[in-house]
Every structure is written in C-alpha cells, then in structure tokens.
Amino acid sequence: MAAIANLRIDQGASFSSDVTVTNSAGDVVDLSGYTTSARMAKSYGASSYVDITASVASDATTGVIELTLTDTQTATLDAPSRYVYDVYITQTSSSTVTRVIEGVITVNPKV
C-alpha cells in the first residue's frame, strides 16, 4: 500500500518537493537499481494528466525521490484546484512497478 503525502503547489512558480520511500516497518527503502515516475490528474481515472519530473536522489540509499515542475508547467494548472498524484518505482532488473506514494496536490492561484 502506498504512503500518503499531500502537497501544495503555487501556480506559476517552480515546484520541488522531496518524498521519502519507506517500507511497512517505517524503514527507508534503498532505491539503488530503481527508476521512478510520477503523474498528477484532476481525478483518478482521468484521461489526461501531467507528468511530474521524478528522480531518485544521488544517494539512492536515502530512499528520497525529488519531484519537480517548472514554473511554465505550474502556470498551466487550474487554480484554485486539487489534483491527485501517484509516484511509482520500477525495479530495473525485474521491471516490477510499485506505487509507493499517493496523495492530493492543492494548487494555489497566482495573481
């Protein structure tokens, strides 16, 4: 089961957030040998979505994934609004995909 982490994004501003992947015991997951991806949408099952740039930290043993969007990307988001998002890891040796983090993203409007 994926952990829940709710995020906030300011429309028109660069966005960056680190999330840490842990197992059911609360221990950090070593992400060596994994790739990651993330996306957000207005609702579960939506036909359109926004890819979030997701990358494993340079020290994969920390279990940290950095999520980023450019100011141009956030400027196109509806605001005020809420989106749902998922973060996946893929084990490169077996191609096993696991959803590790999910949550709600609240987008705050710009002036």
N, C-alpha and C. Protein backbone atom coordinates (compact mmCIF):
# COMPACT_ATOMS: atom_id res chain seq x y z
N MET A 1 0.84 -1.18 0.00
CA MET A 1 0.00 0.00 0.00
C MET A 1 0.88 1.24 0.00
N ALA A 2 0.52 2.21 -0.80
CA ALA A 2 1.31 3.43 -0.94
C ALA A 2 1.14 4.34 0.27
N ALA A 3 2.20 5.04 0.61
CA ALA A 3 2.14 6.06 1.66
C ALA A 3 1.41 7.27 1.12
N ILE A 4 0.84 8.07 2.00
CA ILE A 4 0.12 9.26 1.58
C ILE A 4 0.92 10.50 1.96
N ALA A 5 1.11 11.38 0.97
CA ALA A 5 1.80 12.65 1.20
C ALA A 5 1.07 13.72 0.39
N ASN A 6 0.43 14.64 1.06
CA ASN A 6 -0.28 15.72 0.38
C ASN A 6 0.66 16.89 0.17
N LEU A 7 0.56 17.53 -1.01
CA LEU A 7 1.49 18.58 -1.40
C LEU A 7 0.74 19.85 -1.79
N ARG A 8 1.47 20.98 -1.80
CA ARG A 8 0.93 22.26 -2.26
C ARG A 8 1.84 22.80 -3.34
N ILE A 9 1.21 23.35 -4.39
CA ILE A 9 1.95 23.97 -5.49
C ILE A 9 1.41 25.38 -5.69
N ASP A 10 2.30 26.35 -5.86
CA ASP A 10 1.90 27.71 -6.22
C ASP A 10 1.90 27.83 -7.73
N GLN A 11 0.76 28.17 -8.30
CA GLN A 11 0.61 28.31 -9.75
C GLN A 11 1.61 29.35 -10.25
N GLY A 12 2.34 29.03 -11.32
CA GLY A 12 3.29 29.95 -11.94
C GLY A 12 4.65 29.99 -11.29
N ALA A 13 4.88 29.17 -10.25
CA ALA A 13 6.18 29.13 -9.57
C ALA A 13 6.81 27.76 -9.76
N SER A 14 8.13 27.72 -9.71
CA SER A 14 8.83 26.43 -9.77
C SER A 14 8.45 25.63 -8.53
N PHE A 15 8.33 24.32 -8.71
CA PHE A 15 7.93 23.44 -7.60
C PHE A 15 8.97 22.35 -7.43
N SER A 16 9.32 22.07 -6.20
CA SER A 16 10.22 20.98 -5.87
C SER A 16 9.86 20.45 -4.50
N SER A 17 9.78 19.14 -4.40
CA SER A 17 9.50 18.51 -3.11
C SER A 17 10.19 17.16 -3.05
N ASP A 18 10.81 16.87 -1.92
CA ASP A 18 11.41 15.57 -1.71
C ASP A 18 10.44 14.70 -0.92
N VAL A 19 10.27 13.47 -1.37
CA VAL A 19 9.46 12.49 -0.64
C VAL A 19 10.36 11.28 -0.36
N THR A 20 10.15 10.67 0.78
CA THR A 20 10.98 9.54 1.18
C THR A 20 10.16 8.26 1.16
N VAL A 21 10.68 7.25 0.49
CA VAL A 21 10.01 5.96 0.38
C VAL A 21 10.43 5.10 1.58
N THR A 22 9.41 4.60 2.30
CA THR A 22 9.66 3.72 3.43
C THR A 22 8.85 2.43 3.26
N ASN A 23 9.27 1.39 3.93
CA ASN A 23 8.52 0.13 3.89
C ASN A 23 7.49 0.11 5.01
N SER A 24 6.76 -0.99 5.15
CA SER A 24 5.68 -1.07 6.14
C SER A 24 6.18 -0.96 7.58
N ALA A 25 7.46 -1.23 7.80
CA ALA A 25 8.05 -1.10 9.13
C ALA A 25 8.54 0.32 9.40
N GLY A 26 8.45 1.19 8.38
CA GLY A 26 8.91 2.56 8.54
C GLY A 26 10.37 2.77 8.21
N ASP A 27 11.03 1.72 7.70
CA ASP A 27 12.44 1.83 7.33
C ASP A 27 12.57 2.39 5.92
N VAL A 28 13.60 3.20 5.71
CA VAL A 28 13.86 3.79 4.39
C VAL A 28 14.19 2.68 3.40
N VAL A 29 13.65 2.80 2.19
CA VAL A 29 13.90 1.83 1.12
C VAL A 29 15.11 2.29 0.30
N ASP A 30 16.08 1.41 0.14
CA ASP A 30 17.24 1.70 -0.71
C ASP A 30 16.76 1.65 -2.16
N LEU A 31 16.85 2.75 -2.87
CA LEU A 31 16.35 2.84 -4.24
C LEU A 31 17.42 2.56 -5.30
N SER A 32 18.54 1.98 -4.88
CA SER A 32 19.57 1.57 -5.85
C SER A 32 18.95 0.53 -6.77
N GLY A 33 19.12 0.70 -8.08
CA GLY A 33 18.56 -0.24 -9.04
C GLY A 33 17.10 0.02 -9.37
N TYR A 34 16.60 1.19 -9.02
CA TYR A 34 15.22 1.57 -9.33
C TYR A 34 15.19 2.84 -10.16
N THR A 35 14.17 2.96 -10.99
CA THR A 35 13.84 4.23 -11.63
C THR A 35 12.51 4.67 -11.03
N THR A 36 12.12 5.91 -11.29
CA THR A 36 10.89 6.42 -10.70
C THR A 36 10.13 7.27 -11.71
N SER A 37 8.82 7.37 -11.50
CA SER A 37 7.97 8.22 -12.33
C SER A 37 6.83 8.73 -11.47
N ALA A 38 6.22 9.83 -11.91
CA ALA A 38 5.09 10.39 -11.17
C ALA A 38 4.19 11.15 -12.14
N ARG A 39 2.91 11.20 -11.80
CA ARG A 39 1.96 11.97 -12.60
C ARG A 39 0.83 12.46 -11.72
N MET A 40 0.21 13.53 -12.20
CA MET A 40 -0.94 14.10 -11.48
C MET A 40 -2.09 14.30 -12.44
N ALA A 41 -3.31 14.24 -11.92
CA ALA A 41 -4.51 14.41 -12.73
C ALA A 41 -5.61 15.01 -11.87
N LYS A 42 -6.65 15.52 -12.54
CA LYS A 42 -7.78 16.14 -11.82
C LYS A 42 -8.56 15.11 -11.00
N SER A 43 -8.53 13.84 -11.43
CA SER A 43 -9.24 12.80 -10.68
C SER A 43 -8.64 11.45 -11.05
N TYR A 44 -8.88 10.46 -10.22
CA TYR A 44 -8.45 9.11 -10.56
C TYR A 44 -9.20 8.64 -11.79
N GLY A 45 -8.50 8.00 -12.70
CA GLY A 45 -9.10 7.51 -13.93
C GLY A 45 -9.26 8.56 -15.01
N ALA A 46 -8.76 9.78 -14.77
CA ALA A 46 -8.85 10.85 -15.77
C ALA A 46 -8.06 10.46 -17.02
N SER A 47 -8.53 10.90 -18.18
CA SER A 47 -7.85 10.55 -19.42
C SER A 47 -6.65 11.46 -19.71
N SER A 48 -6.58 12.61 -19.06
CA SER A 48 -5.42 13.49 -19.26
C SER A 48 -4.71 13.68 -17.92
N TYR A 49 -3.42 13.87 -17.99
CA TYR A 49 -2.61 14.01 -16.79
C TYR A 49 -1.38 14.86 -17.09
N VAL A 50 -0.68 15.24 -16.05
CA VAL A 50 0.57 15.99 -16.15
C VAL A 50 1.67 15.10 -15.59
N ASP A 51 2.73 14.89 -16.37
CA ASP A 51 3.89 14.16 -15.85
C ASP A 51 4.66 15.07 -14.91
N ILE A 52 4.99 14.55 -13.75
CA ILE A 52 5.84 15.24 -12.79
C ILE A 52 7.24 14.66 -12.96
N THR A 53 8.25 15.51 -13.07
CA THR A 53 9.61 15.01 -13.15
C THR A 53 9.97 14.39 -11.80
N ALA A 54 10.34 13.13 -11.83
CA ALA A 54 10.68 12.41 -10.60
C ALA A 54 12.06 11.78 -10.78
N SER A 55 12.93 11.96 -9.78
CA SER A 55 14.26 11.38 -9.87
C SER A 55 14.71 10.89 -8.50
N VAL A 56 15.42 9.77 -8.51
CA VAL A 56 15.98 9.22 -7.29
C VAL A 56 17.15 10.10 -6.89
N ALA A 57 17.26 10.40 -5.60
CA ALA A 57 18.36 11.23 -5.09
C ALA A 57 19.70 10.63 -5.45
N SER A 58 20.74 11.46 -5.50
CA SER A 58 22.07 10.98 -5.87
C SER A 58 22.56 9.88 -4.92
N ASP A 59 22.13 9.92 -3.67
CA ASP A 59 22.41 8.83 -2.74
C ASP A 59 21.13 8.01 -2.61
N ALA A 60 21.01 6.99 -3.44
CA ALA A 60 19.78 6.19 -3.51
C ALA A 60 19.45 5.49 -2.20
N THR A 61 20.45 5.32 -1.34
CA THR A 61 20.21 4.62 -0.07
C THR A 61 19.35 5.43 0.88
N THR A 62 19.14 6.72 0.61
CA THR A 62 18.32 7.57 1.48
C THR A 62 16.83 7.37 1.22
N GLY A 63 16.47 6.72 0.10
CA GLY A 63 15.07 6.50 -0.23
C GLY A 63 14.34 7.74 -0.70
N VAL A 64 15.09 8.79 -1.02
CA VAL A 64 14.48 10.07 -1.39
C VAL A 64 14.24 10.15 -2.89
N ILE A 65 13.03 10.61 -3.24
CA ILE A 65 12.67 10.91 -4.63
C ILE A 65 12.35 12.39 -4.69
N GLU A 66 12.96 13.10 -5.65
CA GLU A 66 12.67 14.52 -5.82
C GLU A 66 11.63 14.68 -6.93
N LEU A 67 10.57 15.41 -6.59
CA LEU A 67 9.51 15.73 -7.55
C LEU A 67 9.65 17.18 -7.95
N THR A 68 9.62 17.48 -9.26
CA THR A 68 9.75 18.85 -9.71
C THR A 68 8.82 19.16 -10.87
N LEU A 69 8.41 20.43 -10.93
CA LEU A 69 7.68 21.01 -12.06
C LEU A 69 8.26 22.38 -12.30
N THR A 70 8.35 22.79 -13.55
CA THR A 70 8.85 24.12 -13.88
C THR A 70 7.75 25.15 -13.65
N ASP A 71 8.13 26.43 -13.63
CA ASP A 71 7.14 27.50 -13.50
C ASP A 71 6.18 27.49 -14.68
N THR A 72 6.67 27.14 -15.86
CA THR A 72 5.80 27.05 -17.04
C THR A 72 4.76 25.95 -16.87
N GLN A 73 5.18 24.82 -16.34
CA GLN A 73 4.23 23.72 -16.11
C GLN A 73 3.17 24.10 -15.07
N THR A 74 3.59 24.70 -13.97
CA THR A 74 2.61 25.03 -12.92
C THR A 74 1.68 26.16 -13.37
N ALA A 75 2.13 27.01 -14.29
CA ALA A 75 1.28 28.10 -14.78
C ALA A 75 0.07 27.57 -15.54
N THR A 76 0.18 26.36 -16.10
CA THR A 76 -0.92 25.79 -16.88
C THR A 76 -1.92 25.01 -16.01
N LEU A 77 -1.61 24.84 -14.73
CA LEU A 77 -2.51 24.10 -13.85
C LEU A 77 -3.72 24.96 -13.47
N ASP A 78 -4.87 24.32 -13.35
CA ASP A 78 -6.07 25.02 -12.87
C ASP A 78 -5.86 25.40 -11.41
N ALA A 79 -6.30 26.61 -11.06
CA ALA A 79 -6.17 27.05 -9.68
C ALA A 79 -7.25 28.08 -9.37
N PRO A 80 -7.78 28.09 -8.17
CA PRO A 80 -7.50 27.10 -7.14
C PRO A 80 -8.10 25.76 -7.53
N SER A 81 -7.38 24.71 -7.22
CA SER A 81 -7.85 23.39 -7.62
C SER A 81 -7.12 22.32 -6.82
N ARG A 82 -7.64 21.11 -6.92
CA ARG A 82 -6.99 19.95 -6.32
C ARG A 82 -6.79 18.89 -7.39
N TYR A 83 -5.65 18.26 -7.30
CA TYR A 83 -5.28 17.16 -8.19
C TYR A 83 -4.93 15.96 -7.32
N VAL A 84 -4.95 14.79 -7.90
CA VAL A 84 -4.43 13.60 -7.23
C VAL A 84 -3.13 13.21 -7.95
N TYR A 85 -2.24 12.56 -7.22
CA TYR A 85 -0.98 12.16 -7.86
C TYR A 85 -0.51 10.82 -7.31
N ASP A 86 0.33 10.17 -8.10
CA ASP A 86 0.96 8.90 -7.74
C ASP A 86 2.44 8.96 -8.06
N VAL A 87 3.24 8.28 -7.25
CA VAL A 87 4.67 8.11 -7.51
C VAL A 87 4.93 6.60 -7.57
N TYR A 88 5.62 6.19 -8.63
CA TYR A 88 5.94 4.77 -8.85
C TYR A 88 7.44 4.57 -8.86
N ILE A 89 7.86 3.38 -8.41
CA ILE A 89 9.25 2.97 -8.60
C ILE A 89 9.23 1.70 -9.45
N THR A 90 10.25 1.56 -10.29
CA THR A 90 10.38 0.38 -11.14
C THR A 90 11.73 -0.25 -10.87
N GLN A 91 11.72 -1.51 -10.47
CA GLN A 91 12.97 -2.24 -10.26
C GLN A 91 13.53 -2.59 -11.64
N THR A 92 14.71 -2.10 -11.94
CA THR A 92 15.25 -2.24 -13.29
C THR A 92 15.55 -3.69 -13.65
N SER A 93 15.92 -4.53 -12.69
CA SER A 93 16.27 -5.92 -13.02
C SER A 93 15.05 -6.77 -13.36
N SER A 94 13.89 -6.47 -12.76
CA SER A 94 12.71 -7.31 -12.99
C SER A 94 11.56 -6.56 -13.67
N SER A 95 11.69 -5.26 -13.83
CA SER A 95 10.64 -4.40 -14.39
C SER A 95 9.38 -4.38 -13.52
N THR A 96 9.51 -4.75 -12.24
CA THR A 96 8.39 -4.70 -11.31
C THR A 96 8.09 -3.26 -10.94
N VAL A 97 6.82 -2.86 -11.12
CA VAL A 97 6.39 -1.48 -10.83
C VAL A 97 5.58 -1.48 -9.55
N THR A 98 5.89 -0.53 -8.65
CA THR A 98 5.19 -0.41 -7.38
C THR A 98 4.79 1.04 -7.15
N ARG A 99 3.52 1.26 -6.81
CA ARG A 99 3.10 2.61 -6.41
C ARG A 99 3.51 2.79 -4.96
N VAL A 100 4.34 3.80 -4.68
CA VAL A 100 4.89 3.96 -3.34
C VAL A 100 4.33 5.17 -2.59
N ILE A 101 3.89 6.18 -3.33
CA ILE A 101 3.35 7.39 -2.69
C ILE A 101 2.17 7.87 -3.50
N GLU A 102 1.16 8.34 -2.81
CA GLU A 102 -0.01 8.93 -3.46
C GLU A 102 -0.51 10.07 -2.58
N GLY A 103 -1.33 10.92 -3.17
CA GLY A 103 -1.88 11.99 -2.35
C GLY A 103 -2.62 13.01 -3.18
N VAL A 104 -2.91 14.11 -2.52
CA VAL A 104 -3.62 15.24 -3.11
C VAL A 104 -2.66 16.40 -3.25
N ILE A 105 -2.71 17.06 -4.38
CA ILE A 105 -1.94 18.28 -4.60
C ILE A 105 -2.93 19.44 -4.67
N THR A 106 -2.75 20.42 -3.81
CA THR A 106 -3.57 21.63 -3.83
C THR A 106 -2.78 22.70 -4.58
N VAL A 107 -3.41 23.28 -5.61
CA VAL A 107 -2.76 24.31 -6.40
C VAL A 107 -3.33 25.66 -5.98
N ASN A 108 -2.43 26.53 -5.51
CA ASN A 108 -2.81 27.88 -5.10
C ASN A 108 -2.70 28.83 -6.30
N PRO A 109 -3.69 29.69 -6.54
CA PRO A 109 -3.66 30.54 -7.73
C PRO A 109 -2.63 31.66 -7.63
N LYS A 110 -2.19 32.10 -8.82
CA LYS A 110 -1.31 33.27 -8.87
C LYS A 110 -2.20 34.51 -9.08
N VAL A 111 -1.60 35.67 -8.96
CA VAL A 111 -2.33 36.92 -9.13
C VAL A 111 -2.67 37.14 -10.58
